[in-house]
Every structure is written in structure tokens, then in C-alpha cells.
Amino acid sequence: MNVTLPLVVVLGIAAWLIVKFFRPKPWAVIALLLFGFYLAHTFMAPAIDSGTRTGVRIVNNHH
């Protein structure tokens, strides 16, 4: 049986688990979110997107 989930759902679950179990400070969570938004508007965004897609493709082909 295969289950297909969008990457954003997997990342959302991972983020929820991190916040629940590690209890980071609110300012750290906000700083990381802002960093992610700012990083998305830089020249590195296409490289991160390409790397993520390649990684997902590799994982999916091995299972």
C-alpha cells in the first residue's frame, strides 16, 4: 500500500512534533519562520527546491 502526502504536510507534522516535544522558545520559532520566508526570496530558492525534489525522487525510487 502506498500513501502519497505532499511535502508540506510532512514538514508540518515534523514541525508540530518538534514544537510539542522540544518546546523551543517562541522567538526561536518566529526567527526560523522569518529566515525561511527570506530565504525563499533569494537566489538559493531554486537550488533548495531542486535539491528537495531530487531527494524526494531518490527516496521514492528506493522504496
PDB file of N, CA and C in Angstrom:
ATOM      1  N   MET A   1       0.843  -1.178   0.000  1.00  0.00           N
ATOM      2  CA  MET A   1       0.000   0.000   0.000  1.00  0.00           C
ATOM      3  C   MET A   1       0.888   1.242   0.000  1.00  0.00           C
ATOM      4  N   ASN A   2       0.636   2.138  -0.922  1.00  0.00           N
ATOM      5  CA  ASN A   2       1.369   3.394  -0.996  1.00  0.00           C
ATOM      6  C   ASN A   2       0.493   4.539  -0.504  1.00  0.00           C
ATOM      7  N   VAL A   3       1.105   5.428   0.258  1.00  0.00           N
ATOM      8  CA  VAL A   3       0.415   6.622   0.721  1.00  0.00           C
ATOM      9  C   VAL A   3       1.168   7.817   0.163  1.00  0.00           C
ATOM     10  N   THR A   4       0.457   8.699  -0.499  1.00  0.00           N
ATOM     11  CA  THR A   4       1.079   9.883  -1.075  1.00  0.00           C
ATOM     12  C   THR A   4       0.685  11.109  -0.256  1.00  0.00           C
ATOM     13  N   LEU A   5       1.701  11.782   0.281  1.00  0.00           N
ATOM     14  CA  LEU A   5       1.471  13.002   1.054  1.00  0.00           C
ATOM     15  C   LEU A   5       2.283  14.136   0.451  1.00  0.00           C
ATOM     16  N   PRO A   6       1.713  15.323   0.375  1.00  0.00           N
ATOM     17  CA  PRO A   6       2.512  16.456  -0.074  1.00  0.00           C
ATOM     18  C   PRO A   6       3.630  16.737   0.937  1.00  0.00           C
ATOM     19  N   LEU A   7       4.744  17.243   0.443  1.00  0.00           N
ATOM     20  CA  LEU A   7       5.893  17.544   1.303  1.00  0.00           C
ATOM     21  C   LEU A   7       5.512  18.530   2.402  1.00  0.00           C
ATOM     22  N   VAL A   8       4.640  19.478   2.091  1.00  0.00           N
ATOM     23  CA  VAL A   8       4.264  20.479   3.080  1.00  0.00           C
ATOM     24  C   VAL A   8       3.539  19.834   4.267  1.00  0.00           C
ATOM     25  N   VAL A   9       2.797  18.755   4.037  1.00  0.00           N
ATOM     26  CA  VAL A   9       2.120  18.048   5.125  1.00  0.00           C
ATOM     27  C   VAL A   9       3.150  17.349   6.011  1.00  0.00           C
ATOM     28  N   VAL A  10       4.113  16.696   5.395  1.00  0.00           N
ATOM     29  CA  VAL A  10       5.166  16.015   6.147  1.00  0.00           C
ATOM     30  C   VAL A  10       5.969  17.020   6.975  1.00  0.00           C
ATOM     31  N   LEU A  11       6.324  18.151   6.369  1.00  0.00           N
ATOM     32  CA  LEU A  11       7.064  19.178   7.099  1.00  0.00           C
ATOM     33  C   LEU A  11       6.219  19.784   8.222  1.00  0.00           C
ATOM     34  N   GLY A  12       4.941  19.944   7.991  1.00  0.00           N
ATOM     35  CA  GLY A  12       4.049  20.468   9.020  1.00  0.00           C
ATOM     36  C   GLY A  12       3.962  19.531  10.219  1.00  0.00           C
ATOM     37  N   ILE A  13       3.861  18.242   9.955  1.00  0.00           N
ATOM     38  CA  ILE A  13       3.826  17.255  11.042  1.00  0.00           C
ATOM     39  C   ILE A  13       5.145  17.262  11.796  1.00  0.00           C
ATOM     40  N   ALA A  14       6.262  17.310  11.064  1.00  0.00           N
ATOM     41  CA  ALA A  14       7.575  17.351  11.711  1.00  0.00           C
ATOM     42  C   ALA A  14       7.711  18.600  12.577  1.00  0.00           C
ATOM     43  N   ALA A  15       7.255  19.739  12.086  1.00  0.00           N
ATOM     44  CA  ALA A  15       7.338  20.988  12.854  1.00  0.00           C
ATOM     45  C   ALA A  15       6.477  20.901  14.112  1.00  0.00           C
ATOM     46  N   TRP A  16       5.289  20.334  13.983  1.00  0.00           N
ATOM     47  CA  TRP A  16       4.416  20.193  15.139  1.00  0.00           C
ATOM     48  C   TRP A  16       5.058  19.311  16.200  1.00  0.00           C
ATOM     49  N   LEU A  17       5.672  18.190  15.779  1.00  0.00           N
ATOM     50  CA  LEU A  17       6.328  17.291  16.726  1.00  0.00           C
ATOM     51  C   LEU A  17       7.522  17.969  17.409  1.00  0.00           C
ATOM     52  N   ILE A  18       8.277  18.741  16.653  1.00  0.00           N
ATOM     53  CA  ILE A  18       9.422  19.453  17.237  1.00  0.00           C
ATOM     54  C   ILE A  18       8.948  20.447  18.297  1.00  0.00           C
ATOM     55  N   VAL A  19       7.920  21.212  17.966  1.00  0.00           N
ATOM     56  CA  VAL A  19       7.406  22.197  18.929  1.00  0.00           C
ATOM     57  C   VAL A  19       6.826  21.486  20.153  1.00  0.00           C
ATOM     58  N   LYS A  20       6.134  20.373  19.938  1.00  0.00           N
ATOM     59  CA  LYS A  20       5.499  19.657  21.042  1.00  0.00           C
ATOM     60  C   LYS A  20       6.527  19.035  21.980  1.00  0.00           C
ATOM     61  N   PHE A  21       7.550  18.392  21.426  1.00  0.00           N
ATOM     62  CA  PHE A  21       8.474  17.637  22.263  1.00  0.00           C
ATOM     63  C   PHE A  21       9.702  18.422  22.720  1.00  0.00           C
ATOM     64  N   PHE A  22      10.174  19.361  21.929  1.00  0.00           N
ATOM     65  CA  PHE A  22      11.386  20.095  22.292  1.00  0.00           C
ATOM     66  C   PHE A  22      11.097  21.451  22.927  1.00  0.00           C
ATOM     67  N   ARG A  23       9.862  21.917  22.822  1.00  0.00           N
ATOM     68  CA  ARG A  23       9.452  23.182  23.430  1.00  0.00           C
ATOM     69  C   ARG A  23      10.438  24.329  23.191  1.00  0.00           C
ATOM     70  N   PRO A  24      10.681  24.673  21.898  1.00  0.00           N
ATOM     71  CA  PRO A  24      11.588  25.797  21.646  1.00  0.00           C
ATOM     72  C   PRO A  24      10.941  27.110  22.085  1.00  0.00           C
ATOM     73  N   LYS A  25      11.767  28.081  22.305  1.00  0.00           N
ATOM     74  CA  LYS A  25      11.276  29.400  22.707  1.00  0.00           C
ATOM     75  C   LYS A  25      10.502  30.024  21.533  1.00  0.00           C
ATOM     76  N   PRO A  26       9.435  30.769  21.820  1.00  0.00           N
ATOM     77  CA  PRO A  26       8.645  31.372  20.730  1.00  0.00           C
ATOM     78  C   PRO A  26       9.475  32.257  19.805  1.00  0.00           C
ATOM     79  N   TRP A  27      10.443  33.005  20.348  1.00  0.00           N
ATOM     80  CA  TRP A  27      11.250  33.868  19.488  1.00  0.00           C
ATOM     81  C   TRP A  27      12.092  33.038  18.519  1.00  0.00           C
ATOM     82  N   ALA A  28      12.502  31.842  18.920  1.00  0.00           N
ATOM     83  CA  ALA A  28      13.296  30.982  18.023  1.00  0.00           C
ATOM     84  C   ALA A  28      12.429  30.472  16.878  1.00  0.00           C
ATOM     85  N   VAL A  29      11.190  30.094  17.174  1.00  0.00           N
ATOM     86  CA  VAL A  29      10.271  29.640  16.133  1.00  0.00           C
ATOM     87  C   VAL A  29      10.004  30.764  15.143  1.00  0.00           C
ATOM     88  N   ILE A  30       9.753  31.968  15.646  1.00  0.00           N
ATOM     89  CA  ILE A  30       9.497  33.117  14.776  1.00  0.00           C
ATOM     90  C   ILE A  30      10.727  33.437  13.927  1.00  0.00           C
ATOM     91  N   ALA A  31      11.908  33.392  14.530  1.00  0.00           N
ATOM     92  CA  ALA A  31      13.138  33.670  13.788  1.00  0.00           C
ATOM     93  C   ALA A  31      13.341  32.653  12.671  1.00  0.00           C
ATOM     94  N   LEU A  32      13.091  31.378  12.936  1.00  0.00           N
ATOM     95  CA  LEU A  32      13.243  30.351  11.896  1.00  0.00           C
ATOM     96  C   LEU A  32      12.218  30.518  10.784  1.00  0.00           C
ATOM     97  N   LEU A  33      10.986  30.872  11.142  1.00  0.00           N
ATOM     98  CA  LEU A  33       9.972  31.119  10.109  1.00  0.00           C
ATOM     99  C   LEU A  33      10.359  32.299   9.225  1.00  0.00           C
ATOM    100  N   LEU A  34      10.801  33.387   9.850  1.00  0.00           N
ATOM    101  CA  LEU A  34      11.238  34.552   9.068  1.00  0.00           C
ATOM    102  C   LEU A  34      12.425  34.203   8.177  1.00  0.00           C
ATOM    103  N   PHE A  35      13.360  33.449   8.708  1.00  0.00           N
ATOM    104  CA  PHE A  35      14.515  33.033   7.911  1.00  0.00           C
ATOM    105  C   PHE A  35      14.060  32.237   6.692  1.00  0.00           C
ATOM    106  N   GLY A  36      13.098  31.344   6.882  1.00  0.00           N
ATOM    107  CA  GLY A  36      12.582  30.558   5.758  1.00  0.00           C
ATOM    108  C   GLY A  36      11.923  31.432   4.700  1.00  0.00           C
ATOM    109  N   PHE A  37      11.131  32.412   5.137  1.00  0.00           N
ATOM    110  CA  PHE A  37      10.485  33.306   4.172  1.00  0.00           C
ATOM    111  C   PHE A  37      11.507  34.156   3.423  1.00  0.00           C
ATOM    112  N   TYR A  38      12.502  34.669   4.138  1.00  0.00           N
ATOM    113  CA  TYR A  38      13.529  35.471   3.477  1.00  0.00           C
ATOM    114  C   TYR A  38      14.376  34.622   2.538  1.00  0.00           C
ATOM    115  N   LEU A  39      14.686  33.400   2.951  1.00  0.00           N
ATOM    116  CA  LEU A  39      15.485  32.500   2.118  1.00  0.00           C
ATOM    117  C   LEU A  39      14.751  32.145   0.825  1.00  0.00           C
ATOM    118  N   ALA A  40      13.426  32.066   0.890  1.00  0.00           N
ATOM    119  CA  ALA A  40      12.628  31.730  -0.289  1.00  0.00           C
ATOM    120  C   ALA A  40      12.713  32.801  -1.366  1.00  0.00           C
ATOM    121  N   HIS A  41      13.133  34.009  -1.000  1.00  0.00           N
ATOM    122  CA  HIS A  41      13.211  35.108  -1.967  1.00  0.00           C
ATOM    123  C   HIS A  41      14.648  35.415  -2.374  1.00  0.00           C
ATOM    124  N   THR A  42      15.556  34.473  -2.173  1.00  0.00           N
ATOM    125  CA  THR A  42      16.949  34.676  -2.554  1.00  0.00           C
ATOM    126  C   THR A  42      17.290  33.819  -3.756  1.00  0.00           C
ATOM    127  N   PHE A  43      18.514  33.938  -4.202  1.00  0.00           N
ATOM    128  CA  PHE A  43      18.984  33.147  -5.333  1.00  0.00           C
ATOM    129  C   PHE A  43      19.106  31.665  -4.975  1.00  0.00           C
ATOM    130  N   MET A  44      19.066  31.332  -3.688  1.00  0.00           N
ATOM    131  CA  MET A  44      19.209  29.935  -3.266  1.00  0.00           C
ATOM    132  C   MET A  44      17.902  29.148  -3.353  1.00  0.00           C
ATOM    133  N   ALA A  45      16.777  29.831  -3.497  1.00  0.00           N
ATOM    134  CA  ALA A  45      15.479  29.157  -3.516  1.00  0.00           C
ATOM    135  C   ALA A  45      15.382  28.092  -4.615  1.00  0.00           C
ATOM    136  N   PRO A  46      15.790  28.364  -5.860  1.00  0.00           N
ATOM    137  CA  PRO A  46      15.713  27.307  -6.877  1.00  0.00           C
ATOM    138  C   PRO A  46      16.602  26.113  -6.546  1.00  0.00           C
ATOM    139  N   ALA A  47      17.773  26.359  -5.967  1.00  0.00           N
ATOM    140  CA  ALA A  47      18.668  25.251  -5.613  1.00  0.00           C
ATOM    141  C   ALA A  47      18.059  24.405  -4.498  1.00  0.00           C
ATOM    142  N   ILE A  48      17.435  25.051  -3.514  1.00  0.00           N
ATOM    143  CA  ILE A  48      16.793  24.312  -2.426  1.00  0.00           C
ATOM    144  C   ILE A  48      15.615  23.499  -2.972  1.00  0.00           C
ATOM    145  N   ASP A  49      14.826  24.106  -3.845  1.00  0.00           N
ATOM    146  CA  ASP A  49      13.692  23.409  -4.444  1.00  0.00           C
ATOM    147  C   ASP A  49      14.158  22.216  -5.255  1.00  0.00           C
ATOM    148  N   SER A  50      15.178  22.414  -6.069  1.00  0.00           N
ATOM    149  CA  SER A  50      15.711  21.325  -6.888  1.00  0.00           C
ATOM    150  C   SER A  50      16.273  20.205  -6.018  1.00  0.00           C
ATOM    151  N   GLY A  51      17.007  20.567  -4.979  1.00  0.00           N
ATOM    152  CA  GLY A  51      17.580  19.566  -4.082  1.00  0.00           C
ATOM    153  C   GLY A  51      16.514  18.780  -3.343  1.00  0.00           C
ATOM    154  N   THR A  52      15.460  19.469  -2.935  1.00  0.00           N
ATOM    155  CA  THR A  52      14.359  18.798  -2.242  1.00  0.00           C
ATOM    156  C   THR A  52      13.654  17.829  -3.173  1.00  0.00           C
ATOM    157  N   ARG A  53      13.382  18.274  -4.386  1.00  0.00           N
ATOM    158  CA  ARG A  53      12.700  17.396  -5.351  1.00  0.00           C
ATOM    159  C   ARG A  53      13.562  16.188  -5.693  1.00  0.00           C
ATOM    160  N   THR A  54      14.859  16.400  -5.850  1.00  0.00           N
ATOM    161  CA  THR A  54      15.762  15.287  -6.142  1.00  0.00           C
ATOM    162  C   THR A  54      15.801  14.305  -4.974  1.00  0.00           C
ATOM    163  N   GLY A  55      15.870  14.821  -3.758  1.00  0.00           N
ATOM    164  CA  GLY A  55      15.871  13.957  -2.582  1.00  0.00           C
ATOM    165  C   GLY A  55      14.605  13.131  -2.467  1.00  0.00           C
ATOM    166  N   VAL A  56      13.461  13.760  -2.719  1.00  0.00           N
ATOM    167  CA  VAL A  56      12.189  13.033  -2.672  1.00  0.00           C
ATOM    168  C   VAL A  56      12.156  11.969  -3.751  1.00  0.00           C
ATOM    169  N   ARG A  57      12.638  12.293  -4.943  1.00  0.00           N
ATOM    170  CA  ARG A  57      12.673  11.323  -6.038  1.00  0.00           C
ATOM    171  C   ARG A  57      13.554  10.128  -5.676  1.00  0.00           C
ATOM    172  N   ILE A  58      14.709  10.387  -5.074  1.00  0.00           N
ATOM    173  CA  ILE A  58      15.623   9.309  -4.673  1.00  0.00           C
ATOM    174  C   ILE A  58      14.966   8.412  -3.624  1.00  0.00           C
ATOM    175  N   VAL A  59      14.346   9.030  -2.622  1.00  0.00           N
ATOM    176  CA  VAL A  59      13.685   8.243  -1.566  1.00  0.00           C
ATOM    177  C   VAL A  59      12.543   7.419  -2.147  1.00  0.00           C
ATOM    178  N   ASN A  60      11.773   8.005  -3.040  1.00  0.00           N
ATOM    179  CA  ASN A  60      10.638   7.280  -3.612  1.00  0.00           C
ATOM    180  C   ASN A  60      11.088   6.124  -4.498  1.00  0.00           C
ATOM    181  N   ASN A  61      12.206   6.243  -5.162  1.00  0.00           N
ATOM    182  CA  ASN A  61      12.683   5.171  -6.033  1.00  0.00           C
ATOM    183  C   ASN A  61      13.303   4.021  -5.253  1.00  0.00           C
ATOM    184  N   HIS A  62      13.748   4.270  -4.031  1.00  0.00           N
ATOM    185  CA  HIS A  62      14.362   3.209  -3.239  1.00  0.00           C
ATOM    186  C   HIS A  62      13.366   2.390  -2.455  1.00  0.00           C
ATOM    187  N   HIS A  63      12.122   2.826  -2.399  1.00  0.00           N
ATOM    188  CA  HIS A  63      11.130   2.065  -1.615  1.00  0.00           C
ATOM    189  C   HIS A  63      10.132   1.416  -2.515  1.00  0.00           C
TER     190      HIS A  63
END
